[in-house]
């Protein structure tokens, strides 16, 4: 079975981090907390063609969709 990025888990934890925050957070603070809560798999930690970490790229993409939805 091919490895996959756990999209739902990452987005869920992102929302939990924002919900639990006492005030505004920078994106790096949010990503640090999501990383601690999810413990990304080796596949998710791989670097993609752009040089960025796979799970972070995915989360940036899907967090934009979540912001659009409201």
PDB file of N, CA and C in Angstrom:
ATOM      1  N   UNK A   1       0.845  -1.186   0.000  1.00  0.00           N
ATOM      2  CA  UNK A   1       0.000   0.000   0.000  1.00  0.00           C
ATOM      3  C   UNK A   1       0.885   1.243   0.000  1.00  0.00           C
ATOM      4  N   UNK A   2       0.659   2.153  -0.939  1.00  0.00           N
ATOM      5  CA  UNK A   2       1.490   3.366  -0.987  1.00  0.00           C
ATOM      6  C   UNK A   2       1.249   4.238   0.240  1.00  0.00           C
ATOM      7  N   UNK A   3       2.306   4.919   0.643  1.00  0.00           N
ATOM      8  CA  UNK A   3       2.173   5.813   1.792  1.00  0.00           C
ATOM      9  C   UNK A   3       1.374   7.042   1.398  1.00  0.00           C
ATOM     10  N   UNK A   4       0.690   7.594   2.369  1.00  0.00           N
ATOM     11  CA  UNK A   4      -0.120   8.781   2.127  1.00  0.00           C
ATOM     12  C   UNK A   4       0.106   9.799   3.219  1.00  0.00           C
ATOM     13  N   UNK A   5      -0.213  11.019   2.896  1.00  0.00           N
ATOM     14  CA  UNK A   5      -0.198  12.091   3.884  1.00  0.00           C
ATOM     15  C   UNK A   5      -1.547  12.062   4.594  1.00  0.00           C
ATOM     16  N   UNK A   6      -1.525  12.197   5.891  1.00  0.00           N
ATOM     17  CA  UNK A   6      -2.756  12.141   6.686  1.00  0.00           C
ATOM     18  C   UNK A   6      -3.416  13.529   6.701  1.00  0.00           C
ATOM     19  N   UNK A   7      -4.046  13.855   5.581  1.00  0.00           N
ATOM     20  CA  UNK A   7      -4.638  15.178   5.393  1.00  0.00           C
ATOM     21  C   UNK A   7      -5.607  15.547   6.507  1.00  0.00           C
ATOM     22  N   UNK A   8      -6.533  14.650   6.780  1.00  0.00           N
ATOM     23  CA  UNK A   8      -7.577  14.947   7.758  1.00  0.00           C
ATOM     24  C   UNK A   8      -6.995  15.176   9.140  1.00  0.00           C
ATOM     25  N   UNK A   9      -6.048  14.343   9.537  1.00  0.00           N
ATOM     26  CA  UNK A   9      -5.428  14.491  10.849  1.00  0.00           C
ATOM     27  C   UNK A   9      -4.681  15.820  10.952  1.00  0.00           C
ATOM     28  N   UNK A  10      -3.923  16.156   9.930  1.00  0.00           N
ATOM     29  CA  UNK A  10      -3.162  17.404   9.955  1.00  0.00           C
ATOM     30  C   UNK A  10      -4.085  18.620  10.046  1.00  0.00           C
ATOM     31  N   UNK A  11      -5.134  18.623   9.249  1.00  0.00           N
ATOM     32  CA  UNK A  11      -6.070  19.746   9.276  1.00  0.00           C
ATOM     33  C   UNK A  11      -6.820  19.804  10.605  1.00  0.00           C
ATOM     34  N   UNK A  12      -7.198  18.647  11.123  1.00  0.00           N
ATOM     35  CA  UNK A  12      -7.878  18.597  12.419  1.00  0.00           C
ATOM     36  C   UNK A  12      -6.984  19.189  13.513  1.00  0.00           C
ATOM     37  N   UNK A  13      -5.739  18.771  13.554  1.00  0.00           N
ATOM     38  CA  UNK A  13      -4.831  19.283  14.581  1.00  0.00           C
ATOM     39  C   UNK A  13      -4.565  20.771  14.400  1.00  0.00           C
ATOM     40  N   UNK A  14      -4.484  21.234  13.168  1.00  0.00           N
ATOM     41  CA  UNK A  14      -4.327  22.664  12.919  1.00  0.00           C
ATOM     42  C   UNK A  14      -5.487  23.437  13.541  1.00  0.00           C
ATOM     43  N   UNK A  15      -6.694  22.949  13.332  1.00  0.00           N
ATOM     44  CA  UNK A  15      -7.876  23.624  13.894  1.00  0.00           C
ATOM     45  C   UNK A  15      -7.875  23.561  15.419  1.00  0.00           C
ATOM     46  N   UNK A  16      -7.403  22.459  15.976  1.00  0.00           N
ATOM     47  CA  UNK A  16      -7.334  22.328  17.432  1.00  0.00           C
ATOM     48  C   UNK A  16      -6.315  23.306  18.019  1.00  0.00           C
ATOM     49  N   UNK A  17      -5.189  23.451  17.359  1.00  0.00           N
ATOM     50  CA  UNK A  17      -4.161  24.399  17.805  1.00  0.00           C
ATOM     51  C   UNK A  17      -4.735  25.810  17.813  1.00  0.00           C
ATOM     52  N   UNK A  18      -5.413  26.172  16.741  1.00  0.00           N
ATOM     53  CA  UNK A  18      -5.990  27.521  16.669  1.00  0.00           C
ATOM     54  C   UNK A  18      -7.079  27.715  17.717  1.00  0.00           C
ATOM     55  N   UNK A  19      -7.876  26.684  17.933  1.00  0.00           N
ATOM     56  CA  UNK A  19      -8.942  26.767  18.936  1.00  0.00           C
ATOM     57  C   UNK A  19      -8.363  26.945  20.334  1.00  0.00           C
ATOM     58  N   UNK A  20      -7.288  26.245  20.641  1.00  0.00           N
ATOM     59  CA  UNK A  20      -6.705  26.251  21.984  1.00  0.00           C
ATOM     60  C   UNK A  20      -5.828  27.468  22.262  1.00  0.00           C
ATOM     61  N   UNK A  21      -5.478  28.220  21.224  1.00  0.00           N
ATOM     62  CA  UNK A  21      -4.573  29.358  21.388  1.00  0.00           C
ATOM     63  C   UNK A  21      -5.229  30.481  22.191  1.00  0.00           C
ATOM     64  N   UNK A  22      -4.443  31.083  23.055  1.00  0.00           N
ATOM     65  CA  UNK A  22      -4.932  32.201  23.863  1.00  0.00           C
ATOM     66  C   UNK A  22      -4.985  33.496  23.055  1.00  0.00           C
ATOM     67  N   UNK A  23      -4.265  33.541  21.963  1.00  0.00           N
ATOM     68  CA  UNK A  23      -4.226  34.730  21.118  1.00  0.00           C
ATOM     69  C   UNK A  23      -3.677  34.358  19.755  1.00  0.00           C
ATOM     70  N   UNK A  24      -3.371  35.351  18.953  1.00  0.00           N
ATOM     71  CA  UNK A  24      -2.839  35.099  17.613  1.00  0.00           C
ATOM     72  C   UNK A  24      -1.518  34.318  17.661  1.00  0.00           C
ATOM     73  N   UNK A  25      -1.322  33.459  16.685  1.00  0.00           N
ATOM     74  CA  UNK A  25      -0.091  32.686  16.554  1.00  0.00           C
ATOM     75  C   UNK A  25       0.501  32.921  15.173  1.00  0.00           C
ATOM     76  N   UNK A  26       1.819  32.874  15.096  1.00  0.00           N
ATOM     77  CA  UNK A  26       2.463  32.931  13.781  1.00  0.00           C
ATOM     78  C   UNK A  26       2.325  31.560  13.134  1.00  0.00           C
ATOM     79  N   UNK A  27       2.508  31.503  11.828  1.00  0.00           N
ATOM     80  CA  UNK A  27       2.392  30.210  11.143  1.00  0.00           C
ATOM     81  C   UNK A  27       3.440  29.229  11.653  1.00  0.00           C
ATOM     82  N   UNK A  28       4.633  29.714  11.976  1.00  0.00           N
ATOM     83  CA  UNK A  28       5.664  28.798  12.478  1.00  0.00           C
ATOM     84  C   UNK A  28       5.271  28.226  13.844  1.00  0.00           C
ATOM     85  N   UNK A  29       4.617  29.026  14.683  1.00  0.00           N
ATOM     86  CA  UNK A  29       4.144  28.511  15.969  1.00  0.00           C
ATOM     87  C   UNK A  29       3.070  27.443  15.764  1.00  0.00           C
ATOM     88  N   UNK A  30       2.169  27.684  14.833  1.00  0.00           N
ATOM     89  CA  UNK A  30       1.116  26.720  14.541  1.00  0.00           C
ATOM     90  C   UNK A  30       1.725  25.425  14.025  1.00  0.00           C
ATOM     91  N   UNK A  31       2.646  25.517  13.085  1.00  0.00           N
ATOM     92  CA  UNK A  31       3.248  24.327  12.499  1.00  0.00           C
ATOM     93  C   UNK A  31       4.073  23.562  13.527  1.00  0.00           C
ATOM     94  N   UNK A  32       4.747  24.265  14.429  1.00  0.00           N
ATOM     95  CA  UNK A  32       5.491  23.587  15.492  1.00  0.00           C
ATOM     96  C   UNK A  32       4.552  22.768  16.370  1.00  0.00           C
ATOM     97  N   UNK A  33       3.417  23.349  16.721  1.00  0.00           N
ATOM     98  CA  UNK A  33       2.468  22.636  17.575  1.00  0.00           C
ATOM     99  C   UNK A  33       1.812  21.464  16.841  1.00  0.00           C
ATOM    100  N   UNK A  34       1.498  21.643  15.572  1.00  0.00           N
ATOM    101  CA  UNK A  34       0.929  20.536  14.791  1.00  0.00           C
ATOM    102  C   UNK A  34       1.947  19.402  14.702  1.00  0.00           C
ATOM    103  N   UNK A  35       3.214  19.743  14.487  1.00  0.00           N
ATOM    104  CA  UNK A  35       4.274  18.728  14.403  1.00  0.00           C
ATOM    105  C   UNK A  35       4.350  17.929  15.706  1.00  0.00           C
ATOM    106  N   UNK A  36       4.272  18.620  16.840  1.00  0.00           N
ATOM    107  CA  UNK A  36       4.327  17.944  18.133  1.00  0.00           C
ATOM    108  C   UNK A  36       3.126  17.028  18.338  1.00  0.00           C
ATOM    109  N   UNK A  37       1.956  17.460  17.907  1.00  0.00           N
ATOM    110  CA  UNK A  37       0.727  16.706  18.136  1.00  0.00           C
ATOM    111  C   UNK A  37       0.575  15.510  17.206  1.00  0.00           C
ATOM    112  N   UNK A  38       1.149  15.567  16.017  1.00  0.00           N
ATOM    113  CA  UNK A  38       0.917  14.510  15.033  1.00  0.00           C
ATOM    114  C   UNK A  38       2.088  13.565  14.835  1.00  0.00           C
ATOM    115  N   UNK A  39       3.294  13.982  15.158  1.00  0.00           N
ATOM    116  CA  UNK A  39       4.483  13.173  14.903  1.00  0.00           C
ATOM    117  C   UNK A  39       4.462  12.662  13.460  1.00  0.00           C
ATOM    118  N   UNK A  40       4.782  13.528  12.495  1.00  0.00           N
ATOM    119  CA  UNK A  40       4.724  13.145  11.076  1.00  0.00           C
ATOM    120  C   UNK A  40       5.511  11.873  10.771  1.00  0.00           C
ATOM    121  N   UNK A  41       4.978  11.097   9.846  1.00  0.00           N
ATOM    122  CA  UNK A  41       5.628   9.860   9.424  1.00  0.00           C
ATOM    123  C   UNK A  41       6.873  10.196   8.597  1.00  0.00           C
ATOM    124  N   UNK A  42       7.687   9.193   8.326  1.00  0.00           N
ATOM    125  CA  UNK A  42       8.893   9.432   7.519  1.00  0.00           C
ATOM    126  C   UNK A  42       8.514   9.931   6.124  1.00  0.00           C
ATOM    127  N   UNK A  43       7.437   9.402   5.566  1.00  0.00           N
ATOM    128  CA  UNK A  43       6.964   9.873   4.259  1.00  0.00           C
ATOM    129  C   UNK A  43       6.548  11.337   4.333  1.00  0.00           C
ATOM    130  N   UNK A  44       5.821  11.708   5.360  1.00  0.00           N
ATOM    131  CA  UNK A  44       5.371  13.098   5.518  1.00  0.00           C
ATOM    132  C   UNK A  44       6.541  14.050   5.756  1.00  0.00           C
ATOM    133  N   UNK A  45       7.622  13.554   6.335  1.00  0.00           N
ATOM    134  CA  UNK A  45       8.797  14.397   6.609  1.00  0.00           C
ATOM    135  C   UNK A  45       9.720  14.554   5.410  1.00  0.00           C
ATOM    136  N   UNK A  46       9.481  13.803   4.343  1.00  0.00           N
ATOM    137  CA  UNK A  46      10.330  13.901   3.153  1.00  0.00           C
ATOM    138  C   UNK A  46      10.239  15.292   2.527  1.00  0.00           C
ATOM    139  N   UNK A  47      11.294  15.669   1.865  1.00  0.00           N
ATOM    140  CA  UNK A  47      11.313  16.936   1.139  1.00  0.00           C
ATOM    141  C   UNK A  47      10.761  16.707  -0.269  1.00  0.00           C
ATOM    142  N   UNK A  48       9.955  17.641  -0.733  1.00  0.00           N
ATOM    143  CA  UNK A  48       9.401  17.556  -2.084  1.00  0.00           C
ATOM    144  C   UNK A  48      10.309  18.312  -3.038  1.00  0.00           C
ATOM    145  N   UNK A  49       9.933  18.363  -4.294  1.00  0.00           N
ATOM    146  CA  UNK A  49      10.769  18.965  -5.335  1.00  0.00           C
ATOM    147  C   UNK A  49      11.197  20.401  -5.001  1.00  0.00           C
ATOM    148  N   UNK A  50      10.315  21.164  -4.354  1.00  0.00           N
ATOM    149  CA  UNK A  50      10.625  22.554  -4.005  1.00  0.00           C
ATOM    150  C   UNK A  50      11.613  22.661  -2.855  1.00  0.00           C
ATOM    151  N   UNK A  51      11.857  21.538  -2.164  1.00  0.00           N
ATOM    152  CA  UNK A  51      12.766  21.544  -1.022  1.00  0.00           C
ATOM    153  C   UNK A  51      12.054  21.685   0.312  1.00  0.00           C
ATOM    154  N   UNK A  52      10.755  21.888   0.266  1.00  0.00           N
ATOM    155  CA  UNK A  52       9.978  22.025   1.500  1.00  0.00           C
ATOM    156  C   UNK A  52       9.531  20.653   1.984  1.00  0.00           C
ATOM    157  N   UNK A  53       9.134  20.588   3.250  1.00  0.00           N
ATOM    158  CA  UNK A  53       8.698  19.329   3.856  1.00  0.00           C
ATOM    159  C   UNK A  53       7.275  19.022   3.396  1.00  0.00           C
ATOM    160  N   UNK A  54       7.054  17.762   3.008  1.00  0.00           N
ATOM    161  CA  UNK A  54       5.786  17.339   2.407  1.00  0.00           C
ATOM    162  C   UNK A  54       4.565  17.705   3.253  1.00  0.00           C
ATOM    163  N   UNK A  55       4.569  17.371   4.551  1.00  0.00           N
ATOM    164  CA  UNK A  55       3.365  17.606   5.350  1.00  0.00           C
ATOM    165  C   UNK A  55       3.083  19.100   5.503  1.00  0.00           C
ATOM    166  N   UNK A  56       4.122  19.924   5.540  1.00  0.00           N
ATOM    167  CA  UNK A  56       3.925  21.370   5.660  1.00  0.00           C
ATOM    168  C   UNK A  56       3.309  21.936   4.382  1.00  0.00           C
ATOM    169  N   UNK A  57       3.769  21.456   3.229  1.00  0.00           N
ATOM    170  CA  UNK A  57       3.209  21.893   1.950  1.00  0.00           C
ATOM    171  C   UNK A  57       1.730  21.538   1.886  1.00  0.00           C
ATOM    172  N   UNK A  58       1.417  20.309   2.268  1.00  0.00           N
ATOM    173  CA  UNK A  58       0.029  19.839   2.258  1.00  0.00           C
ATOM    174  C   UNK A  58      -0.829  20.684   3.191  1.00  0.00           C
ATOM    175  N   UNK A  59      -0.323  20.947   4.390  1.00  0.00           N
ATOM    176  CA  UNK A  59      -1.103  21.704   5.360  1.00  0.00           C
ATOM    177  C   UNK A  59      -1.317  23.149   4.909  1.00  0.00           C
ATOM    178  N   UNK A  60      -0.314  23.764   4.295  1.00  0.00           N
ATOM    179  CA  UNK A  60      -0.500  25.120   3.748  1.00  0.00           C
ATOM    180  C   UNK A  60      -1.618  25.113   2.707  1.00  0.00           C
ATOM    181  N   UNK A  61      -1.597  24.128   1.848  1.00  0.00           N
ATOM    182  CA  UNK A  61      -2.594  24.031   0.783  1.00  0.00           C
ATOM    183  C   UNK A  61      -3.995  23.856   1.359  1.00  0.00           C
ATOM    184  N   UNK A  62      -4.155  22.897   2.269  1.00  0.00           N
ATOM    185  CA  UNK A  62      -5.478  22.614   2.803  1.00  0.00           C
ATOM    186  C   UNK A  62      -5.954  23.650   3.801  1.00  0.00           C
ATOM    187  N   UNK A  63      -5.070  24.334   4.475  1.00  0.00           N
ATOM    188  CA  UNK A  63      -5.511  25.388   5.393  1.00  0.00           C
ATOM    189  C   UNK A  63      -6.089  26.554   4.596  1.00  0.00           C
ATOM    190  N   UNK A  64      -5.603  26.761   3.397  1.00  0.00           N
ATOM    191  CA  UNK A  64      -6.189  27.788   2.525  1.00  0.00           C
ATOM    192  C   UNK A  64      -7.611  27.441   2.146  1.00  0.00           C
ATOM    193  N   UNK A  65      -7.843  26.174   1.859  1.00  0.00           N
ATOM    194  CA  UNK A  65      -9.208  25.717   1.556  1.00  0.00           C
ATOM    195  C   UNK A  65     -10.115  25.898   2.771  1.00  0.00           C
ATOM    196  N   UNK A  66      -9.611  25.590   3.940  1.00  0.00           N
ATOM    197  CA  UNK A  66     -10.409  25.722   5.159  1.00  0.00           C
ATOM    198  C   UNK A  66     -10.742  27.189   5.430  1.00  0.00           C
ATOM    199  N   UNK A  67      -9.823  28.076   5.159  1.00  0.00           N
ATOM    200  CA  UNK A  67     -10.080  29.503   5.361  1.00  0.00           C
ATOM    201  C   UNK A  67     -11.154  30.001   4.387  1.00  0.00           C
ATOM    202  N   UNK A  68     -11.125  29.487   3.167  1.00  0.00           N
ATOM    203  CA  UNK A  68     -12.116  29.870   2.175  1.00  0.00           C
ATOM    204  C   UNK A  68     -13.512  29.420   2.602  1.00  0.00           C
ATOM    205  N   UNK A  69     -13.589  28.213   3.149  1.00  0.00           N
ATOM    206  CA  UNK A  69     -14.873  27.663   3.593  1.00  0.00           C
ATOM    207  C   UNK A  69     -15.405  28.445   4.793  1.00  0.00           C
ATOM    208  N   UNK A  70     -14.507  28.900   5.618  1.00  0.00           N
ATOM    209  CA  UNK A  70     -14.931  29.711   6.769  1.00  0.00           C
ATOM    210  C   UNK A  70     -14.702  29.010   8.031  1.00  0.00           C
TER     211      UNK A  70
END
